[in-house]
Amino acid sequence: MSGSGAPKIAVDASGLKVTIVATSWHTVVTDGLLAGAEKALKEAGNSDYKVVRVPGAFELPLAASLAIKNGAEVVIALGVVIQGETPHFDYVCDAATSGLTRVQLDTSVPIGFGLLTVSNEQQALDRAGLAGSKEDKGAEAVEAAIMMKRLSF
């Protein structure tokens, strides 16, 4: 499983303007990711963040860009795309991933990548941070983005 050996990163999110952008599809999974992200932010000292829901994964890059234009210092992108019978999965996953990468590189604002791209619903449930899940990708996205924001060179 992908989470084997995943580090638990202690981060300080206090004082940061954080926006979580989350998709609206597959609410059980997405709500689990959101709950994990919110819990991680609160544990890291930040309970003053914004949550914005978007229609789907394709819309995450634009939402992240708009969040940054509105003052976000860190963005957490959450959602799930489950493979179906058509190539739609490939196009949406590529567009969302490439778009979020582009926004992050163009703005130098860290984006926590909590978009699950999975073959089936069980894989999503295993990563959603729900009771019985093996991983919490919502929390991991927060930890990675805050760590990148706090980097010093």
Protein backbone atom coordinates (compact mmCIF):
# COMPACT_ATOMS: atom_id res chain seq x y z
CA MET A 1 0.00 0.00 0.00
CA SER A 2 1.20 3.51 -0.78
CA GLY A 3 1.02 4.65 2.84
CA SER A 4 3.53 2.14 4.13
CA GLY A 5 6.21 4.14 5.88
CA ALA A 6 4.51 7.50 5.39
CA PRO A 7 5.98 9.98 7.86
CA LYS A 8 3.89 11.77 10.47
CA ILE A 9 5.09 15.35 10.17
CA ALA A 10 4.64 17.80 13.04
CA VAL A 11 3.92 21.23 11.58
CA ASP A 12 3.00 24.70 12.85
CA ALA A 13 0.14 26.23 10.85
CA SER A 14 -0.56 29.04 13.32
CA GLY A 15 -1.05 32.44 11.77
CA LEU A 16 -1.26 31.15 8.20
CA LYS A 17 -4.09 32.01 5.81
CA VAL A 18 -5.19 28.56 4.65
CA THR A 19 -7.90 27.71 2.16
CA ILE A 20 -9.15 24.18 1.61
CA VAL A 21 -10.70 23.55 -1.80
CA ALA A 22 -12.68 20.31 -1.89
CA THR A 23 -14.65 18.60 -4.60
CA SER A 24 -18.34 17.72 -4.33
CA TRP A 25 -18.28 14.21 -5.82
CA HIS A 26 -18.13 11.05 -3.67
CA THR A 27 -19.12 12.87 -0.48
CA VAL A 28 -18.31 10.04 1.93
CA VAL A 29 -14.70 10.01 0.75
CA THR A 30 -14.36 13.76 0.27
CA ASP A 31 -15.94 14.54 3.63
CA GLY A 32 -13.48 12.13 5.22
CA LEU A 33 -10.55 13.88 3.53
CA LEU A 34 -11.93 17.25 4.64
CA ALA A 35 -12.36 16.08 8.23
CA GLY A 36 -8.77 14.81 8.27
CA ALA A 37 -7.46 18.07 6.86
CA GLU A 38 -9.42 20.17 9.34
CA LYS A 39 -8.27 18.04 12.26
CA ALA A 40 -4.64 18.31 11.12
CA LEU A 41 -4.92 22.09 10.78
CA LYS A 42 -6.40 22.45 14.25
CA GLU A 43 -3.73 20.19 15.74
CA ALA A 44 -1.15 22.40 14.01
CA GLY A 45 -2.56 25.52 15.67
CA ASN A 46 -4.86 26.87 12.95
CA SER A 47 -8.61 26.94 13.39
CA ASP A 48 -9.16 30.01 11.21
CA TYR A 49 -9.21 28.60 7.68
CA LYS A 50 -11.64 28.77 4.79
CA VAL A 51 -13.35 25.81 3.10
CA VAL A 52 -14.60 26.17 -0.47
CA ARG A 53 -16.49 23.43 -2.31
CA VAL A 54 -16.06 23.08 -6.07
CA PRO A 55 -18.00 20.88 -8.48
CA GLY A 56 -15.21 18.40 -9.27
CA ALA A 57 -11.50 17.72 -9.62
CA PHE A 58 -11.22 19.58 -12.92
CA GLU A 59 -12.15 22.80 -11.07
CA LEU A 60 -9.52 22.46 -8.32
CA PRO A 61 -6.72 24.38 -10.12
CA LEU A 62 -8.89 27.43 -10.81
CA ALA A 63 -10.23 27.38 -7.25
CA ALA A 64 -6.67 27.18 -5.90
CA SER A 65 -5.62 30.09 -8.10
CA LEU A 66 -8.59 32.19 -6.95
CA ALA A 67 -7.89 31.33 -3.31
CA ILE A 68 -4.32 32.56 -3.70
CA LYS A 69 -5.48 35.76 -5.41
CA ASN A 70 -7.72 36.28 -2.38
CA GLY A 71 -4.85 36.00 0.10
CA ALA A 72 -4.37 32.30 0.80
CA GLU A 73 -0.80 31.52 1.83
CA VAL A 74 -1.43 27.78 1.68
CA VAL A 75 -4.03 25.82 -0.28
CA ILE A 76 -5.16 22.27 0.43
CA ALA A 77 -6.76 20.56 -2.59
CA LEU A 78 -8.99 17.60 -1.75
CA GLY A 79 -11.09 15.21 -3.79
CA VAL A 80 -11.34 11.84 -5.44
CA VAL A 81 -11.55 10.57 -8.99
CA ILE A 82 -12.49 6.91 -9.34
CA GLN A 83 -11.62 5.16 -12.58
CA GLY A 84 -14.57 4.27 -14.76
CA GLU A 85 -15.06 2.66 -18.13
CA THR A 86 -14.00 5.65 -20.26
CA PRO A 87 -10.80 7.68 -20.66
CA HIS A 88 -12.49 10.54 -18.76
CA PHE A 89 -10.56 9.45 -15.65
CA ASP A 90 -7.20 9.98 -17.39
CA TYR A 91 -8.10 13.43 -18.68
CA VAL A 92 -9.52 14.69 -15.39
CA CYS A 93 -6.64 13.33 -13.31
CA ASP A 94 -4.04 14.79 -15.67
CA ALA A 95 -5.76 18.17 -15.90
CA ALA A 96 -6.19 18.48 -12.13
CA THR A 97 -2.66 17.35 -11.32
CA SER A 98 -1.00 19.47 -14.01
CA GLY A 99 -3.17 22.45 -13.17
CA LEU A 100 -2.42 22.32 -9.45
CA THR A 101 1.28 21.92 -10.19
CA ARG A 102 1.20 24.91 -12.50
CA VAL A 103 -0.61 27.10 -9.95
CA GLN A 104 1.86 26.11 -7.26
CA LEU A 105 4.91 26.79 -9.43
CA ASP A 106 3.52 30.03 -10.90
CA THR A 107 2.65 31.49 -7.49
CA SER A 108 5.20 29.85 -5.15
CA VAL A 109 2.27 29.11 -2.84
CA PRO A 110 2.27 25.55 -1.51
CA ILE A 111 -0.67 23.35 -2.47
CA GLY A 112 -1.29 20.22 -0.45
CA PHE A 113 -2.22 17.50 -2.94
CA GLY A 114 -5.06 15.52 -1.43
CA LEU A 115 -6.66 14.40 -4.68
CA LEU A 116 -7.12 10.65 -4.67
CA THR A 117 -6.86 9.06 -8.11
CA VAL A 118 -7.92 5.47 -7.58
CA SER A 119 -9.07 2.39 -9.43
CA ASN A 120 -12.09 1.67 -7.23
CA GLU A 121 -14.16 2.94 -4.35
CA GLN A 122 -12.45 0.70 -1.77
CA GLN A 123 -9.07 2.24 -2.55
CA ALA A 124 -10.59 5.66 -1.93
CA LEU A 125 -12.18 4.57 1.35
CA ASP A 126 -8.84 3.11 2.47
CA ARG A 127 -7.19 6.52 2.05
CA ALA A 128 -9.99 8.86 3.19
CA GLY A 129 -9.19 9.02 6.90
CA LEU A 130 -12.49 7.41 7.85
CA ALA A 131 -12.97 4.93 10.68
CA GLY A 132 -11.27 1.80 9.38
CA SER A 133 -9.20 3.64 6.75
CA LYS A 134 -5.55 2.71 6.51
CA GLU A 135 -4.48 6.24 5.59
CA ASP A 136 -5.55 9.86 6.01
CA LYS A 137 -4.56 11.67 2.84
CA GLY A 138 -6.41 14.83 3.93
CA ALA A 139 -4.13 15.17 6.96
CA GLU A 140 -1.06 14.26 4.89
CA ALA A 141 -1.89 17.02 2.38
CA VAL A 142 -1.99 19.56 5.21
CA GLU A 143 1.30 18.37 6.68
CA ALA A 144 3.09 18.52 3.31
CA ALA A 145 1.81 21.98 2.38
CA ILE A 146 2.54 23.53 5.78
CA MET A 147 6.00 21.99 5.79
CA MET A 148 6.68 23.53 2.37
CA LYS A 149 5.37 26.92 3.54
CA ARG A 150 7.70 26.85 6.54
CA LEU A 151 10.81 25.92 4.52
CA SER A 152 13.68 28.31 4.92
CA PHE A 153 16.63 28.67 2.57
